[in-house]
Amino acid sequence: MAHKVNIAEKLASFDTPFSPKIVAYLNDYKVYVGKVQGEFVWHKHDDTDELFLVVKGRLTLQFRDRDVVLEEDELFVVPRGVEHCPRSDDETHVLVIEPRGTRNTGDVENERTKLDEEI
């Protein structure tokens, strides 16, 4: 049964940056929210694009050849296979869409790699 999701409430339910929480599924995609503060990890997703939507704050998507700065209510799709590193000086809230089973750190496995967690 479908139900509505209050994104602000979901984001308020946790504090840890870089700890994505799944809030919905769309066909074979997961929709998750997360908090970014500081620099994440350079990584890429060889098999999928990744959509970032800034809900609150300001997110910089670093690429090897440029940076893309996203303000609130702006989105950007990182193409598959493109190395990137999300960063934010202040706490930023994001909504991300990517296929189920996609690791948050892409081709990298380290202490920031998180298993899918629903809230």
Protein backbone atom coordinates (compact mmCIF):
# COMPACT_ATOMS: atom_id res chain seq x y z
CA MET A 1 0.00 0.00 0.00
CA ALA A 2 1.37 3.39 -0.95
CA HIS A 3 1.87 6.00 1.75
CA LYS A 4 3.10 9.56 1.81
CA VAL A 5 6.57 10.41 3.08
CA ASN A 6 7.44 13.58 4.94
CA ILE A 7 11.06 14.19 3.96
CA ALA A 8 11.72 16.73 6.73
CA GLU A 9 10.49 14.25 9.38
CA LYS A 10 12.66 11.48 7.98
CA LEU A 11 15.73 13.73 7.95
CA ALA A 12 15.01 14.84 11.53
CA SER A 13 15.05 11.22 12.69
CA PHE A 14 18.84 10.84 12.42
CA ASP A 15 21.95 13.00 12.79
CA THR A 16 24.86 11.09 11.26
CA PRO A 17 26.27 12.53 8.03
CA PHE A 18 26.86 10.12 5.13
CA SER A 19 24.40 7.59 6.52
CA PRO A 20 21.71 7.27 3.81
CA LYS A 21 18.21 6.14 4.79
CA ILE A 22 15.76 4.68 2.27
CA VAL A 23 12.36 6.38 2.38
CA ALA A 24 10.69 4.87 -0.72
CA TYR A 25 11.06 2.55 -3.69
CA LEU A 26 10.18 3.40 -7.28
CA ASN A 27 10.15 0.32 -9.48
CA ASP A 28 13.74 -0.97 -9.23
CA TYR A 29 15.03 2.27 -7.69
CA LYS A 30 15.56 3.31 -4.10
CA VAL A 31 14.86 6.84 -2.95
CA TYR A 32 16.93 7.83 0.02
CA VAL A 33 17.65 10.86 2.13
CA GLY A 34 20.94 11.74 3.71
CA LYS A 35 22.97 14.43 5.36
CA VAL A 36 26.25 15.68 3.96
CA GLN A 37 28.79 17.55 6.03
CA GLY A 38 32.42 17.64 5.02
CA GLU A 39 33.84 15.63 2.15
CA PHE A 40 32.59 12.14 1.27
CA VAL A 41 34.79 9.84 -0.82
CA TRP A 42 35.84 9.93 -4.46
CA HIS A 43 33.94 7.16 -6.24
CA LYS A 44 31.95 6.22 -9.35
CA HIS A 45 29.05 3.99 -10.27
CA ASP A 46 29.95 2.04 -13.40
CA ASP A 47 26.42 0.80 -14.11
CA THR A 48 24.09 3.64 -13.16
CA ASP A 49 23.42 7.35 -13.10
CA GLU A 50 22.78 8.96 -9.70
CA LEU A 51 20.32 11.80 -9.05
CA PHE A 52 21.01 14.32 -6.26
CA LEU A 53 18.33 16.80 -5.12
CA VAL A 54 19.24 19.35 -2.44
CA VAL A 55 16.43 19.66 0.10
CA LYS A 56 18.25 22.02 2.46
CA GLY A 57 21.66 23.68 2.32
CA ARG A 58 24.28 23.73 -0.40
CA LEU A 59 26.02 20.73 -1.97
CA THR A 60 29.16 20.74 -4.08
CA LEU A 61 29.58 17.79 -6.41
CA GLN A 62 33.27 17.67 -7.12
CA PHE A 63 34.43 16.20 -10.41
CA ARG A 64 38.01 15.83 -11.62
CA ASP A 65 37.54 18.68 -14.12
CA ARG A 66 35.01 20.97 -12.37
CA ASP A 67 32.69 21.49 -9.43
CA VAL A 68 28.90 21.74 -9.63
CA VAL A 69 27.29 23.67 -6.79
CA LEU A 70 23.67 22.86 -5.99
CA GLU A 71 21.47 25.14 -3.93
CA GLU A 72 18.15 24.18 -2.30
CA ASP A 73 15.59 22.79 -4.76
CA GLU A 74 18.23 22.11 -7.42
CA LEU A 75 19.14 18.70 -8.76
CA PHE A 76 21.90 17.14 -10.81
CA VAL A 77 22.31 13.74 -12.40
CA VAL A 78 25.81 12.30 -12.18
CA PRO A 79 26.29 10.13 -15.28
CA ARG A 80 27.33 6.51 -14.86
CA GLY A 81 31.06 5.95 -14.74
CA VAL A 82 31.90 9.55 -13.76
CA GLU A 83 34.09 9.88 -10.68
CA HIS A 84 32.67 12.34 -8.15
CA CYS A 85 32.87 13.38 -4.51
CA PRO A 86 30.00 15.14 -2.69
CA ARG A 87 31.03 17.84 -0.25
CA SER A 88 29.38 20.44 1.94
CA ASP A 89 30.88 22.91 4.39
CA ASP A 90 27.66 23.05 6.43
CA GLU A 91 25.11 20.30 7.03
CA THR A 92 23.17 19.74 3.83
CA HIS A 93 20.13 17.52 3.32
CA VAL A 94 19.79 15.59 0.08
CA LEU A 95 17.43 13.19 -1.63
CA VAL A 96 19.08 10.66 -3.95
CA ILE A 97 17.62 8.23 -6.47
CA GLU A 98 19.56 5.22 -7.74
CA PRO A 99 18.91 1.52 -8.45
CA ARG A 100 18.33 -0.89 -5.58
CA GLY A 101 21.52 -2.60 -4.52
CA THR A 102 23.74 0.34 -5.51
CA ARG A 103 26.46 0.83 -2.92
CA ASN A 104 26.66 4.41 -1.61
CA THR A 105 30.43 4.44 -2.16
CA GLY A 106 30.19 2.96 -5.66
CA ASP A 107 33.42 1.27 -6.70
CA VAL A 108 35.07 2.00 -3.32
CA GLU A 109 34.63 0.02 -0.13
CA ASN A 110 35.67 1.67 3.11
CA GLU A 111 34.35 2.75 6.52
CA ARG A 112 31.75 5.00 4.84
CA THR A 113 30.22 2.14 2.86
CA LYS A 114 26.70 1.61 4.26
CA LEU A 115 24.20 -1.18 3.76
CA ASP A 116 20.74 -0.14 2.67
CA GLU A 117 18.73 0.99 5.68
CA GLU A 118 15.05 1.92 5.63
CA ILE A 119 13.44 4.41 7.99
